[in-house]
């Protein structure tokens, strides 16, 4: 598990770091003003359908069925079923794109829109075709994951980020002199990046034996099974994405800068979440699906528990850094060009409120995939809808008074509720989850976390009071000196108490270093 998710984590780290570079370029280019808010809100709409038809409901429904066919039918039938699902995806995405562009065009034709809304709709019309590209990418990545390939699909996101970064440097200067003109380069870059990312998966798929052939999906049994599984999951994912659009739309109405500044905080939060949380969850879905198909439930529970142990151990430390070093991190990464100290204050406040939910966000990914592997899409869907309703209520109450901080608090509170209810539901489904290992390490892990938190907070204050943050080297030190010392203390305490995740990961690193020597 560590080797497979570790390889994927390395690829994800590369793509996420490039994603962070992309956000730094975006921040320098457009800061967190209304133009940035218009772009971020427009980009959320094709992402909504990506989650619906691509990496969310479809992938979660299709991978267990694909693994089942891999084990119980011929290879030809397995690829035929995959082609039928891809054909259905092409039809559905094309219909959505056509309807979306039509609706946006009609809204623009009516006129009487504010400059912010007008720009947002124009950008949205440009980016709608991204729906098809990103959905194809997601299903290609799902197939490769199911076939045991984790590195190449994860590194594909790096290709996407490179193209999007290039659009700022090479295309934006030719789009006009004003920011609201140049920002169209980002929309064109999104489309080009979607094409590049989808094409990047094809050589690996070809090596596995995949050849795309049109298979009519209308009466195909595999497509019907996937749709039946998808419907409840789609409701849950749709509820989440509609919730995101509603809360961000409300934020755009209250103050357009809230959308962009909150999204910068979310991107920084997604770095540790993606490097380990999403990597581990992506590995676990086909693995748990295979164990569930063979009815090896003790191994299923053991694998799930090991995944949670390692996830909590890594992301607890990451959450501490995001909470106590939010302002130094934002200042180092984003405070350049049009992104000034005021923007730093807004984004860091949102990050402080999001950071306590990092472990819960990552655990929700893993717990939901445990249900998907068991063929149960309904339970996480119901829990998700309930928690999303809570999130919306929290956002409505908090956003007007606390702005970015209100959105962060709403997300953290609802994520904590979500993970609690998923644990409760999974225990009812499988009986005792055999969490003894998790209980045993929790005390030592929390003790190590307390030491790391105290060191991070104390060193950060000392650095700011006696050294400051003027200049690049001082800004780097303000982040990495407290982070390095706290990491050494955290791992030292965990190894002293023989916390299994620390021992296992430390052992793997030590063996690799010995091999290199």
Protein backbone atom coordinates (compact mmCIF):
# COMPACT_ATOMS: atom_id res chain seq x y z
CA UNK A 1 0.00 0.00 0.00
CA UNK A 2 2.78 2.42 0.95
CA UNK A 3 4.77 1.64 -2.21
CA UNK A 4 1.81 2.04 -4.58
CA UNK A 5 0.38 5.12 -2.91
CA UNK A 6 3.94 6.41 -2.38
CA UNK A 7 4.66 6.29 -6.12
CA UNK A 8 1.38 8.02 -6.77
CA UNK A 9 2.11 10.52 -3.99
CA UNK A 10 5.41 11.39 -5.68
CA UNK A 11 3.60 12.02 -8.95
CA UNK A 12 0.83 13.88 -7.16
CA UNK A 13 3.42 15.94 -5.28
CA UNK A 14 4.95 16.94 -8.63
CA UNK A 15 1.60 17.91 -10.12
CA UNK A 16 0.43 19.64 -6.94
CA UNK A 17 3.65 21.62 -6.69
CA UNK A 18 3.17 22.66 -10.30
CA UNK A 19 -0.42 23.46 -9.36
CA UNK A 20 0.93 25.67 -6.60
CA UNK A 21 3.26 27.34 -9.11
CA UNK A 22 0.20 27.89 -11.31
CA UNK A 23 -1.63 29.54 -8.41
CA UNK A 24 1.42 31.71 -7.71
CA UNK A 25 1.46 32.78 -11.36
CA UNK A 26 -2.29 33.44 -11.23
CA UNK A 27 -1.90 35.47 -8.01
CA UNK A 28 0.85 37.60 -9.52
CA UNK A 29 -1.22 38.05 -12.68
CA UNK A 30 -4.66 38.88 -11.20
CA UNK A 31 -4.43 38.87 -7.35
CA UNK A 32 -7.80 38.24 -5.66
CA UNK A 33 -9.89 41.02 -7.23
CA UNK A 34 -13.24 40.76 -8.99
CA UNK A 35 -11.70 39.57 -12.27
CA UNK A 36 -10.05 36.67 -10.41
CA UNK A 37 -13.35 35.91 -8.67
CA UNK A 38 -15.17 35.86 -12.03
CA UNK A 39 -12.65 33.37 -13.46
CA UNK A 40 -12.70 31.11 -10.39
CA UNK A 41 -16.52 31.02 -10.30
CA UNK A 42 -16.73 30.31 -14.05
CA UNK A 43 -14.17 27.50 -13.76
CA UNK A 44 -16.24 25.85 -11.01
CA UNK A 45 -19.09 25.05 -13.44
CA UNK A 46 -17.20 22.65 -15.77
CA UNK A 47 -15.56 21.24 -12.65
CA UNK A 48 -19.05 20.47 -11.33
CA UNK A 49 -19.70 18.20 -14.31
CA UNK A 50 -16.21 16.75 -14.04
CA UNK A 51 -17.09 15.54 -10.55
CA UNK A 52 -20.51 14.33 -11.71
CA UNK A 53 -19.48 12.47 -14.87
CA UNK A 54 -15.78 11.97 -14.41
CA UNK A 55 -13.67 11.40 -11.35
CA UNK A 56 -16.56 11.30 -8.89
CA UNK A 57 -19.70 9.26 -9.39
CA UNK A 58 -18.77 7.57 -12.68
CA UNK A 59 -15.30 6.48 -11.59
CA UNK A 60 -16.56 5.26 -8.21
CA UNK A 61 -19.30 3.25 -9.94
CA UNK A 62 -17.26 1.98 -12.88
CA UNK A 63 -14.01 0.82 -11.21
CA UNK A 64 -15.62 -1.91 -9.03
CA UNK A 65 -17.51 -3.21 -12.11
CA UNK A 66 -14.35 -3.02 -14.24
CA UNK A 67 -12.38 -4.96 -11.57
CA UNK A 68 -15.14 -7.55 -11.42
CA UNK A 69 -14.99 -8.05 -15.21
CA UNK A 70 -11.20 -8.23 -15.06
CA UNK A 71 -11.47 -11.14 -12.61
CA UNK A 72 -14.53 -12.96 -14.00
CA UNK A 73 -14.62 -12.38 -17.79
CA UNK A 74 -12.29 -12.28 -20.79
CA UNK A 75 -10.02 -9.34 -21.56
CA UNK A 76 -11.96 -8.63 -24.75
CA UNK A 77 -15.22 -8.31 -22.80
CA UNK A 78 -13.51 -6.10 -20.21
CA UNK A 79 -12.35 -3.63 -22.88
CA UNK A 80 -15.68 -3.79 -24.71
CA UNK A 81 -17.44 -2.77 -21.48
CA UNK A 82 -14.98 0.09 -20.99
CA UNK A 83 -15.62 1.34 -24.55
CA UNK A 84 -19.38 1.24 -24.00
CA UNK A 85 -19.04 3.40 -20.88
CA UNK A 86 -16.72 5.85 -22.68
CA UNK A 87 -19.19 6.12 -25.57
CA UNK A 88 -21.99 6.91 -23.11
CA UNK A 89 -19.77 9.52 -21.46
CA UNK A 90 -19.09 11.22 -24.82
CA UNK A 91 -22.84 11.46 -25.54
CA UNK A 92 -23.73 12.79 -22.09
CA UNK A 93 -20.88 15.34 -22.04
CA UNK A 94 -21.69 16.61 -25.53
CA UNK A 95 -25.35 17.18 -24.60
CA UNK A 96 -24.34 19.06 -21.42
CA UNK A 97 -21.87 21.23 -23.33
CA UNK A 98 -24.47 22.14 -25.98
CA UNK A 99 -27.14 23.00 -23.42
CA UNK A 100 -24.67 24.90 -21.23
CA UNK A 101 -23.40 27.10 -24.06
CA UNK A 102 -26.99 27.76 -25.18
CA UNK A 103 -28.15 28.83 -21.71
CA UNK A 104 -25.11 31.09 -21.16
CA UNK A 105 -25.55 32.68 -24.60
CA UNK A 106 -29.20 33.45 -23.86
CA UNK A 107 -28.26 35.02 -20.51
CA UNK A 108 -25.66 37.21 -22.21
CA UNK A 109 -28.09 38.22 -24.94
CA UNK A 110 -30.57 39.53 -22.38
CA UNK A 111 -27.97 42.06 -21.15
CA UNK A 112 -28.35 44.37 -18.10
CA UNK A 113 -25.56 42.49 -16.29
CA UNK A 114 -22.89 43.85 -13.97
CA UNK A 115 -19.31 43.85 -15.38
CA UNK A 116 -18.40 41.03 -12.95
CA UNK A 117 -21.29 38.79 -14.02
CA UNK A 118 -20.78 39.58 -17.71
CA UNK A 119 -17.12 38.58 -17.55
CA UNK A 120 -17.92 35.43 -15.58
CA UNK A 121 -20.48 34.27 -18.18
CA UNK A 122 -18.19 34.97 -21.14
CA UNK A 123 -15.39 32.98 -19.49
CA UNK A 124 -17.82 30.18 -18.71
CA UNK A 125 -18.91 29.94 -22.35
CA UNK A 126 -15.27 29.55 -23.40
CA UNK A 127 -14.58 26.82 -20.82
CA UNK A 128 -17.70 24.64 -21.17
CA UNK A 129 -16.08 22.20 -23.69
CA UNK A 130 -13.60 21.36 -20.91
CA UNK A 131 -16.37 19.12 -19.52
CA UNK A 132 -15.82 16.46 -22.21
CA UNK A 133 -12.02 16.63 -22.02
CA UNK A 134 -11.76 16.34 -18.27
CA UNK A 135 -14.39 13.57 -18.07
CA UNK A 136 -12.47 11.50 -20.61
CA UNK A 137 -9.28 12.10 -18.64
CA UNK A 138 -10.97 10.95 -15.44
CA UNK A 139 -12.25 7.68 -16.94
CA UNK A 140 -8.84 7.01 -18.55
CA UNK A 141 -7.17 7.54 -15.18
CA UNK A 142 -9.73 5.28 -13.47
CA UNK A 143 -9.00 2.45 -15.93
CA UNK A 144 -5.25 2.82 -15.45
CA UNK A 145 -5.65 2.81 -11.64
CA UNK A 146 -7.73 -0.36 -11.89
CA UNK A 147 -4.95 -1.95 -13.97
CA UNK A 148 -2.38 -1.09 -11.29
CA UNK A 149 -0.95 2.11 -12.81
CA UNK A 150 -0.87 5.01 -10.38
CA UNK A 151 2.17 7.12 -11.32
CA UNK A 152 1.32 8.04 -14.94
CA UNK A 153 -2.32 9.04 -14.27
CA UNK A 154 -1.26 11.20 -11.33
CA UNK A 155 1.57 12.90 -13.23
CA UNK A 156 -0.94 13.80 -15.97
CA UNK A 157 -2.12 16.68 -13.82
CA UNK A 158 1.39 18.11 -14.09
CA UNK A 159 0.89 18.38 -17.85
CA UNK A 160 -2.36 20.28 -17.26
CA UNK A 161 -0.64 22.74 -14.93
CA UNK A 162 2.27 23.36 -17.31
CA UNK A 163 -0.12 24.28 -20.13
CA UNK A 164 -2.19 26.55 -17.87
CA UNK A 165 0.94 28.33 -16.64
CA UNK A 166 2.13 28.79 -20.24
CA UNK A 167 -1.16 30.47 -21.15
CA UNK A 168 -0.43 33.30 -18.70
CA UNK A 169 3.07 33.98 -20.01
CA UNK A 170 2.67 33.38 -23.74
CA UNK A 171 -0.99 34.07 -24.53
CA UNK A 172 -2.25 36.69 -22.05
CA UNK A 173 0.02 39.53 -23.31
CA UNK A 174 -1.59 39.19 -26.77
CA UNK A 175 -5.20 39.40 -25.52
CA UNK A 176 -5.26 43.12 -24.70
CA UNK A 177 -3.93 45.68 -22.21
CA UNK A 178 -6.54 45.40 -19.44
CA UNK A 179 -6.84 42.49 -17.00
CA UNK A 180 -10.46 41.80 -17.95
CA UNK A 181 -9.23 41.25 -21.54
CA UNK A 182 -6.10 39.28 -20.73
CA UNK A 183 -7.97 36.88 -18.45
CA UNK A 184 -9.51 35.18 -21.50
CA UNK A 185 -6.08 33.60 -22.03
CA UNK A 186 -6.69 31.56 -18.88
CA UNK A 187 -9.96 30.19 -20.30
CA UNK A 188 -8.23 29.18 -23.55
CA UNK A 189 -5.43 27.65 -21.48
CA UNK A 190 -7.96 25.50 -19.61
CA UNK A 191 -9.17 23.99 -22.92
CA UNK A 192 -5.63 23.37 -24.20
CA UNK A 193 -4.69 21.80 -20.85
CA UNK A 194 -7.70 19.47 -21.00
CA UNK A 195 -6.64 18.19 -24.43
CA UNK A 196 -3.03 17.68 -23.27
CA UNK A 197 -3.99 15.81 -20.09
CA UNK A 198 -6.36 13.43 -21.89
CA UNK A 199 -3.79 12.70 -24.62
CA UNK A 200 -1.10 12.03 -22.00
CA UNK A 201 -3.00 8.95 -20.70
CA UNK A 202 -3.35 7.28 -24.12
CA UNK A 203 0.12 5.66 -24.49
CA UNK A 204 -0.25 3.82 -21.15
CA UNK A 205 -3.78 2.71 -22.05
CA UNK A 206 -2.54 1.53 -25.45
CA UNK A 207 0.23 -0.51 -23.75
CA UNK A 208 -2.42 -2.20 -21.58
CA UNK A 209 -4.32 -3.30 -24.70
CA UNK A 210 -7.00 -0.62 -24.81
CA UNK A 211 -8.23 0.45 -28.25
CA UNK A 212 -11.18 2.80 -28.46
CA UNK A 213 -14.01 1.48 -30.63
CA UNK A 214 -17.48 3.00 -30.63
CA UNK A 215 -19.85 0.70 -28.74
CA UNK A 216 -23.48 1.72 -28.67
CA UNK A 217 -24.32 2.39 -25.02
CA UNK A 218 -28.10 2.47 -25.40
CA UNK A 219 -28.81 -1.16 -24.49
CA UNK A 220 -25.50 -2.16 -22.97
CA UNK A 221 -25.83 -4.00 -19.66
CA UNK A 222 -22.56 -2.60 -18.23
CA UNK A 223 -23.68 0.96 -18.96
CA UNK A 224 -27.01 0.25 -17.28
CA UNK A 225 -25.25 -1.15 -14.19
CA UNK A 226 -22.95 1.86 -14.03
CA UNK A 227 -25.92 4.26 -14.35
CA UNK A 228 -27.84 2.41 -11.63
CA UNK A 229 -24.82 2.71 -9.35
CA UNK A 230 -24.19 6.29 -10.42
CA UNK A 231 -27.63 7.72 -9.71
CA UNK A 232 -27.37 7.85 -5.90
CA UNK A 233 -23.69 8.82 -6.06
CA UNK A 234 -24.49 11.53 -8.62
CA UNK A 235 -27.12 12.94 -6.29
CA UNK A 236 -24.52 13.13 -3.51
CA UNK A 237 -21.82 14.63 -5.73
CA UNK A 238 -24.34 16.99 -7.35
CA UNK A 239 -25.43 18.13 -3.91
CA UNK A 240 -21.82 18.87 -3.04
CA UNK A 241 -21.05 20.75 -6.25
CA UNK A 242 -24.33 22.70 -6.18
CA UNK A 243 -23.53 23.55 -2.58
CA UNK A 244 -20.10 24.83 -3.64
CA UNK A 245 -21.63 26.90 -6.44
CA UNK A 246 -24.30 28.31 -4.13
CA UNK A 247 -21.86 29.26 -1.37
CA UNK A 248 -19.35 30.72 -3.84
CA UNK A 249 -22.12 32.49 -5.76
CA UNK A 250 -23.35 33.97 -2.50
CA UNK A 251 -19.78 35.02 -1.68
CA UNK A 252 -19.44 36.60 -5.14
CA UNK A 253 -22.59 38.62 -4.43
CA UNK A 254 -21.38 39.72 -0.96
CA UNK A 255 -17.85 40.58 -2.18
CA UNK A 256 -16.28 39.24 -5.42
CA UNK A 257 -12.84 39.10 -3.79
CA UNK A 258 -14.05 36.41 -1.36
CA UNK A 259 -14.24 33.79 -4.14
CA UNK A 260 -10.65 34.21 -5.34
CA UNK A 261 -9.05 34.59 -1.90
CA UNK A 262 -10.91 31.53 -0.56
CA UNK A 263 -9.87 29.49 -3.61
CA UNK A 264 -6.18 30.34 -3.05
CA UNK A 265 -6.52 28.99 0.50
CA UNK A 266 -8.26 25.86 -0.79
CA UNK A 267 -5.45 25.27 -3.31
CA UNK A 268 -2.83 25.40 -0.56
CA UNK A 269 -4.97 23.06 1.55
CA UNK A 270 -5.22 20.64 -1.37
CA UNK A 271 -1.45 20.19 -1.54
CA UNK A 272 -1.12 17.87 1.50
CA UNK A 273 -4.63 16.55 0.96
CA UNK A 274 -3.76 15.47 -2.57
CA UNK A 275 -0.20 14.32 -1.96
CA UNK A 276 -1.23 11.71 0.61
CA UNK A 277 -4.99 11.77 1.23
CA UNK A 278 -6.22 11.59 -2.37
CA UNK A 279 -3.29 9.38 -3.45
CA UNK A 280 -4.09 6.86 -0.73
CA UNK A 281 -7.83 7.01 -1.41
CA UNK A 282 -7.26 6.46 -5.14
CA UNK A 283 -5.08 3.43 -4.41
CA UNK A 284 -7.60 2.03 -1.92
CA UNK A 285 -10.68 2.05 -4.20
CA UNK A 286 -9.52 -0.71 -6.62
CA UNK A 287 -7.74 -2.54 -3.77
CA UNK A 288 -10.76 -2.56 -1.48
CA UNK A 289 -13.02 -3.35 -4.45
CA UNK A 290 -10.94 -6.47 -5.19
CA UNK A 291 -11.11 -7.60 -1.54
CA UNK A 292 -14.86 -6.98 -1.39
CA UNK A 293 -15.41 -8.90 -4.66
CA UNK A 294 -13.57 -11.87 -3.12
CA UNK A 295 -15.46 -11.39 0.19
CA UNK A 296 -12.22 -11.06 2.16
CA UNK A 297 -13.73 -8.79 4.79
CA UNK A 298 -11.04 -9.18 7.52
CA UNK A 299 -8.42 -8.09 4.97
CA UNK A 300 -10.79 -5.31 3.85
CA UNK A 301 -10.99 -3.92 7.40
CA UNK A 302 -7.25 -4.31 7.97
CA UNK A 303 -6.37 -2.46 4.75
CA UNK A 304 -8.83 0.33 5.54
CA UNK A 305 -7.48 0.70 9.08
CA UNK A 306 -3.89 0.83 7.88
CA UNK A 307 -4.83 3.50 5.37
CA UNK A 308 -6.51 5.61 8.08
CA UNK A 309 -3.55 5.17 10.47
CA UNK A 310 -1.07 6.49 7.92
CA UNK A 311 -3.39 9.24 6.72
CA UNK A 312 -3.97 10.66 10.21
CA UNK A 313 -0.26 10.50 11.04
CA UNK A 314 0.85 12.47 7.97
CA UNK A 315 -1.99 14.97 7.58
CA UNK A 316 -2.15 15.86 11.27
CA UNK A 317 1.34 17.37 10.95
CA UNK A 318 0.40 19.08 7.68
CA UNK A 319 -2.68 20.59 9.35
CA UNK A 320 -0.51 22.03 12.13
CA UNK A 321 1.74 23.74 9.58
CA UNK A 322 -1.21 25.17 7.64
CA UNK A 323 -2.75 26.55 10.84
CA UNK A 324 0.30 28.11 12.51
CA UNK A 325 2.23 29.11 9.38
CA UNK A 326 -0.68 30.29 7.23
CA UNK A 327 0.44 33.91 6.92
CA UNK A 328 4.17 33.18 6.30
CA UNK A 329 3.19 30.56 3.69
CA UNK A 330 0.82 32.88 1.82
CA UNK A 331 3.33 35.71 1.98
CA UNK A 332 6.11 33.52 0.55
CA UNK A 333 4.03 31.92 -2.19
CA UNK A 334 1.64 34.59 -3.39
CA UNK A 335 2.70 38.09 -2.29
CA UNK A 336 4.12 39.22 -5.63
CA UNK A 337 2.96 41.48 -8.45
CA UNK A 338 -0.68 42.52 -7.96
CA UNK A 339 -1.03 40.34 -4.84
CA UNK A 340 -0.33 42.65 -1.89
CA UNK A 341 -0.30 42.42 1.95
CA UNK A 342 -4.08 42.97 2.11
CA UNK A 343 -4.62 39.92 -0.09
CA UNK A 344 -2.22 37.95 2.13
CA UNK A 345 -4.32 38.77 5.18
CA UNK A 346 -7.56 37.66 3.53
CA UNK A 347 -6.18 34.38 2.18
CA UNK A 348 -4.30 33.43 5.37
CA UNK A 349 -7.43 33.99 7.46
CA UNK A 350 -9.37 31.59 5.23
CA UNK A 351 -6.55 29.03 5.48
CA UNK A 352 -6.44 29.20 9.30
CA UNK A 353 -10.14 28.33 9.35
CA UNK A 354 -9.77 25.50 6.81
CA UNK A 355 -6.65 23.87 8.32
CA UNK A 356 -8.34 22.14 11.31
CA UNK A 357 -10.50 20.20 8.82
CA UNK A 358 -7.60 18.75 6.78
CA UNK A 359 -7.63 15.33 8.45
CA UNK A 360 -11.43 15.13 8.22
CA UNK A 361 -11.45 16.11 4.51
CA UNK A 362 -8.91 13.38 3.74
CA UNK A 363 -10.67 10.76 5.89
CA UNK A 364 -13.94 11.45 4.09
CA UNK A 365 -12.26 10.50 0.79
CA UNK A 366 -11.10 7.15 2.17
CA UNK A 367 -14.29 6.32 4.07
CA UNK A 368 -16.49 7.08 1.06
CA UNK A 369 -14.36 4.77 -1.12
CA UNK A 370 -14.82 1.97 1.42
CA UNK A 371 -18.57 2.21 0.81
CA UNK A 372 -18.09 2.39 -2.99
CA UNK A 373 -15.92 -0.74 -2.88
CA UNK A 374 -18.74 -2.55 -1.07
CA UNK A 375 -21.18 -1.47 -3.79
CA UNK A 376 -22.99 0.89 -1.40
CA UNK A 377 -23.32 4.32 -2.98
CA UNK A 378 -26.47 5.34 -1.09
CA UNK A 379 -25.08 5.58 2.46
CA UNK A 380 -22.30 8.12 1.75
CA UNK A 381 -24.71 9.97 -0.55
CA UNK A 382 -27.30 10.44 2.22
CA UNK A 383 -24.64 11.48 4.72
CA UNK A 384 -23.10 13.87 2.20
CA UNK A 385 -26.42 15.58 1.46
CA UNK A 386 -27.14 16.04 5.18
CA UNK A 387 -23.68 17.52 5.83
CA UNK A 388 -23.90 19.75 2.77
CA UNK A 389 -27.16 21.16 4.08
CA UNK A 390 -25.31 21.89 7.33
CA UNK A 391 -22.48 23.50 5.36
CA UNK A 392 -24.91 25.76 3.51
CA UNK A 393 -26.57 26.80 6.77
CA UNK A 394 -23.19 27.52 8.37
CA UNK A 395 -22.13 29.54 5.29
CA UNK A 396 -25.34 31.61 5.25
CA UNK A 397 -24.90 32.42 8.94
CA UNK A 398 -21.16 33.13 8.84
CA UNK A 399 -20.25 34.55 5.42
CA UNK A 400 -21.67 38.06 5.77
CA UNK A 401 -19.89 38.73 9.07
CA UNK A 402 -16.68 36.74 8.59
CA UNK A 403 -16.37 36.54 4.77
CA UNK A 404 -13.51 34.15 3.82
CA UNK A 405 -13.19 32.94 7.42
CA UNK A 406 -16.91 32.12 7.48
CA UNK A 407 -16.58 29.88 4.43
CA UNK A 408 -13.56 28.13 5.98
CA UNK A 409 -15.34 27.50 9.27
CA UNK A 410 -18.44 26.18 7.47
CA UNK A 411 -16.33 23.68 5.51
CA UNK A 412 -14.39 22.50 8.57
CA UNK A 413 -17.49 21.98 10.74
CA UNK A 414 -19.40 20.08 8.06
CA UNK A 415 -16.35 17.89 7.22
CA UNK A 416 -16.04 16.84 10.86
CA UNK A 417 -19.72 15.91 10.96
CA UNK A 418 -19.35 13.97 7.71
CA UNK A 419 -16.48 11.76 8.90
CA UNK A 420 -18.28 10.98 12.18
CA UNK A 421 -21.44 9.85 10.37
CA UNK A 422 -19.44 7.78 7.82
CA UNK A 423 -17.72 5.91 10.66
CA UNK A 424 -21.05 5.26 12.32
CA UNK A 425 -22.66 4.00 9.09
CA UNK A 426 -19.70 1.77 8.16
CA UNK A 427 -19.70 0.21 11.62
CA UNK A 428 -23.39 -0.61 11.25
CA UNK A 429 -22.65 -2.18 7.86
CA UNK A 430 -19.55 -4.23 8.72
CA UNK A 431 -19.87 -4.65 12.47
CA UNK A 432 -16.77 -3.91 14.53
CA UNK A 433 -14.22 -2.07 12.41
CA UNK A 434 -11.30 -3.41 14.50
CA UNK A 435 -9.86 0.04 15.12
CA UNK A 436 -7.61 -1.13 17.97
CA UNK A 437 -4.47 -0.10 16.11
CA UNK A 438 -5.90 3.37 15.53
CA UNK A 439 -6.84 3.75 19.20
CA UNK A 440 -3.40 2.56 20.31
CA UNK A 441 -1.50 5.10 18.23
CA UNK A 442 -3.89 8.01 18.77
CA UNK A 443 -2.52 9.07 22.18
CA UNK A 444 1.12 8.99 21.08
CA UNK A 445 0.29 10.71 17.78
CA UNK A 446 -1.63 13.50 19.53
CA UNK A 447 1.26 13.92 21.98
CA UNK A 448 3.70 14.25 19.08
CA UNK A 449 1.30 16.69 17.41
CA UNK A 450 1.14 18.85 20.55
CA UNK A 451 4.95 19.06 20.67
CA UNK A 452 5.08 19.94 16.94
CA UNK A 453 2.34 22.58 17.31
CA UNK A 454 4.10 24.25 20.24
CA UNK A 455 7.42 24.28 18.37
CA UNK A 456 5.83 25.67 15.19
CA UNK A 457 3.99 28.44 17.02
CA UNK A 458 6.94 29.41 19.21
CA UNK A 459 9.58 29.43 16.47
CA UNK A 460 7.28 31.35 14.12
CA UNK A 461 6.77 34.10 16.70
CA UNK A 462 10.48 34.28 17.53
CA UNK A 463 11.40 34.50 13.84
CA UNK A 464 8.86 37.28 13.16
CA UNK A 465 9.90 39.33 16.23
CA UNK A 466 13.68 39.05 15.81
CA UNK A 467 14.28 38.45 12.08
CA UNK A 468 11.12 39.54 10.25
CA UNK A 469 10.07 38.76 6.68
CA UNK A 470 11.71 41.44 4.53
CA UNK A 471 13.39 39.72 1.59
CA UNK A 472 13.02 36.31 -0.01
CA UNK A 473 15.50 34.47 2.25
CA UNK A 474 13.78 35.68 5.43
CA UNK A 475 10.40 34.70 4.03
CA UNK A 476 11.72 31.22 3.21
CA UNK A 477 13.18 30.90 6.70
CA UNK A 478 9.91 32.04 8.31
CA UNK A 479 8.23 28.98 6.78
CA UNK A 480 10.89 26.28 6.66
CA UNK A 481 12.81 26.79 9.92
CA UNK A 482 9.74 26.20 12.16
CA UNK A 483 8.53 23.47 9.79
CA UNK A 484 11.84 21.58 9.81
CA UNK A 485 12.32 21.69 13.60
CA UNK A 486 8.69 20.72 14.25
CA UNK A 487 8.90 17.82 11.77
CA UNK A 488 12.02 16.43 13.47
CA UNK A 489 10.34 16.65 16.88
CA UNK A 490 7.11 15.08 15.56
CA UNK A 491 8.86 12.11 13.96
CA UNK A 492 11.23 11.79 16.91
CA UNK A 493 8.42 11.52 19.46
CA UNK A 494 6.46 9.14 17.19
CA UNK A 495 9.50 6.86 16.71
CA UNK A 496 10.22 6.98 20.45
CA UNK A 497 6.72 5.66 21.15
CA UNK A 498 6.99 3.22 18.19
CA UNK A 499 3.94 4.56 16.36
CA UNK A 500 3.44 2.01 13.50
CA UNK A 501 3.00 4.50 10.60
CA UNK A 502 6.21 6.29 11.64
CA UNK A 503 8.08 2.97 11.97
CA UNK A 504 6.83 1.63 8.62
CA UNK A 505 7.43 4.81 6.62
CA UNK A 506 10.76 5.39 8.33
CA UNK A 507 11.77 1.80 7.55
CA UNK A 508 10.91 2.23 3.87
CA UNK A 509 12.94 5.45 3.62
CA UNK A 510 15.89 3.86 5.45
CA UNK A 511 15.90 0.84 3.12
CA UNK A 512 15.82 3.07 0.04
CA UNK A 513 18.76 5.09 1.35
CA UNK A 514 20.74 1.90 2.01
CA UNK A 515 20.05 0.64 -1.53
CA UNK A 516 21.34 3.89 -3.02
CA UNK A 517 24.54 3.56 -1.01
